[in-house]
C-alpha cells in the first residue's frame, strides 16, 4: 500500500476527530440548588485526544437523582452539548456522560439538591 500523505498526518487527523473521555469535560451551574423544579444547566464540552472541540457528537447524560433533559444531545461547533437537570428529591445527583455510546467521560459531576 502506498500512502500519499505521511502516516503521522493521518494519525493526527484521526486523533483530532476521535472523542476523548479524558479531555471532555462536564460543567454545571449551579452545583447546589433547591428541590422542586429549579433548573441546573449542564454543559458537556466534547474534546478530541489533541484537546480540540468536536462537533456533531451524540452525548448522553445520566443522573442518579432527578431528571436530565434531553437524555442525549449533539455537540455544536464549539463541542458543547447542553442539558437541564431538575429534582423533586433532596440529595446528591451524580452525573455521568458518554460520547457516541462508546466513550465514557473519566470524570463525573455532582449536584446537591436541598
Protein backbone atom coordinates (compact mmCIF):
# COMPACT_ATOMS: atom_id res chain seq x y z
CA UNK A 1 0.00 0.00 0.00
CA UNK A 2 1.28 3.42 -0.92
CA UNK A 3 0.30 6.44 1.17
CA UNK A 4 0.06 9.82 -0.47
CA UNK A 5 0.10 11.57 2.90
CA UNK A 6 2.63 10.95 5.65
CA UNK A 7 1.36 8.42 8.16
CA UNK A 8 1.84 10.93 11.00
CA UNK A 9 -0.60 13.30 9.30
CA UNK A 10 -3.22 10.55 9.02
CA UNK A 11 -2.79 9.64 12.70
CA UNK A 12 -3.08 13.29 13.73
CA UNK A 13 -6.31 13.70 11.71
CA UNK A 14 -7.77 10.63 13.42
CA UNK A 15 -6.83 11.96 16.87
CA UNK A 16 -8.46 15.32 16.12
CA UNK A 17 -11.77 13.62 15.24
CA UNK A 18 -11.78 10.96 17.96
CA UNK A 19 -13.52 11.97 21.19
CA UNK A 20 -11.52 11.66 24.38
CA UNK A 21 -13.11 10.67 27.68
CA UNK A 22 -10.12 12.19 29.45
CA UNK A 23 -10.22 15.60 27.72
CA UNK A 24 -14.01 16.02 27.51
CA UNK A 25 -15.39 17.99 30.46
CA UNK A 26 -18.76 18.34 32.15
CA UNK A 27 -19.86 21.50 33.99
CA UNK A 28 -22.98 22.54 35.89
CA UNK A 29 -24.31 25.85 37.13
CA UNK A 30 -25.17 25.80 39.97
CA UNK A 31 -23.66 22.95 41.97
CA UNK A 32 -26.27 23.37 44.70
CA UNK A 33 -29.96 24.04 44.08
CA UNK A 34 -33.36 23.82 45.78
CA UNK A 35 -35.66 20.88 45.06
CA UNK A 36 -38.91 21.32 43.24
CA UNK A 37 -38.37 22.47 39.70
CA UNK A 38 -35.24 24.59 39.97
CA UNK A 39 -33.15 24.01 36.86
CA UNK A 40 -29.43 23.33 36.77
CA UNK A 41 -27.72 23.89 33.42
CA UNK A 42 -25.30 21.10 32.49
CA UNK A 43 -22.80 21.56 29.65
CA UNK A 44 -20.60 18.84 28.20
CA UNK A 45 -17.66 20.04 26.09
CA UNK A 46 -16.54 17.26 23.75
CA UNK A 47 -12.81 17.34 23.12
CA UNK A 48 -10.52 15.23 20.97
CA UNK A 49 -7.38 13.41 22.04
CA UNK A 50 -5.50 16.51 20.87
CA UNK A 51 -7.87 18.65 23.04
CA UNK A 52 -9.76 20.27 20.14
CA UNK A 53 -13.56 20.71 20.17
CA UNK A 54 -15.52 18.13 18.18
CA UNK A 55 -18.94 18.89 16.71
CA UNK A 56 -21.76 16.53 15.74
CA UNK A 57 -21.08 14.04 18.55
CA UNK A 58 -24.02 12.41 20.34
CA UNK A 59 -23.65 12.96 24.08
CA UNK A 60 -25.75 11.02 26.60
CA UNK A 61 -26.02 12.15 30.23
CA UNK A 62 -27.40 10.04 33.08
CA UNK A 63 -28.16 11.06 36.66
CA UNK A 64 -28.51 9.13 39.90
CA UNK A 65 -31.13 11.61 41.20
CA UNK A 66 -33.77 13.68 39.46
CA UNK A 67 -34.22 14.02 35.71
CA UNK A 68 -31.96 15.18 32.90
CA UNK A 69 -33.43 16.70 29.73
CA UNK A 70 -32.83 15.88 26.99
CA UNK A 71 -31.38 12.43 27.67
CA UNK A 72 -29.00 12.92 24.75
CA UNK A 73 -27.88 15.84 22.61
CA UNK A 74 -25.49 16.66 19.79
CA UNK A 75 -22.39 18.79 20.26
CA UNK A 76 -22.28 22.12 18.41
CA UNK A 77 -19.34 23.72 16.57
CA UNK A 78 -17.72 24.55 19.92
CA UNK A 79 -18.10 20.92 21.00
CA UNK A 80 -20.83 21.87 23.52
CA UNK A 81 -23.98 19.90 24.29
CA UNK A 82 -26.38 21.44 26.84
CA UNK A 83 -28.76 19.69 29.24
CA UNK A 84 -31.04 20.65 32.16
CA UNK A 85 -31.12 18.80 35.49
CA UNK A 86 -34.05 19.02 37.92
CA UNK A 87 -35.01 17.13 41.07
CA UNK A 88 -38.02 16.96 43.38
CA UNK A 89 -35.97 14.96 45.90
CA UNK A 90 -33.22 16.23 48.20
CA UNK A 91 -29.82 14.60 47.86
CA UNK A 92 -26.76 14.39 45.66
CA UNK A 93 -27.15 13.81 41.92
CA UNK A 94 -24.16 12.13 40.29
CA UNK A 95 -23.98 12.77 36.56
CA UNK A 96 -22.17 10.60 34.03
CA UNK A 97 -21.73 11.34 30.34
CA UNK A 98 -20.92 9.15 27.37
CA UNK A 99 -19.92 10.23 23.87
CA UNK A 100 -21.19 8.27 20.85
CA UNK A 101 -22.41 5.50 23.18
CA UNK A 102 -18.85 4.20 23.48
CA UNK A 103 -16.61 6.82 25.13
CA UNK A 104 -17.39 7.44 28.82
CA UNK A 105 -16.09 10.59 30.48
CA UNK A 106 -13.41 9.80 33.04
CA UNK A 107 -14.85 12.38 35.45
CA UNK A 108 -18.31 12.61 36.96
CA UNK A 109 -20.15 15.66 38.29
CA UNK A 110 -22.20 16.01 41.47
CA UNK A 111 -25.01 18.48 42.13
CA UNK A 112 -26.63 18.90 45.54
CA UNK A 113 -30.41 19.40 45.82
CA UNK A 114 -31.68 20.77 49.16
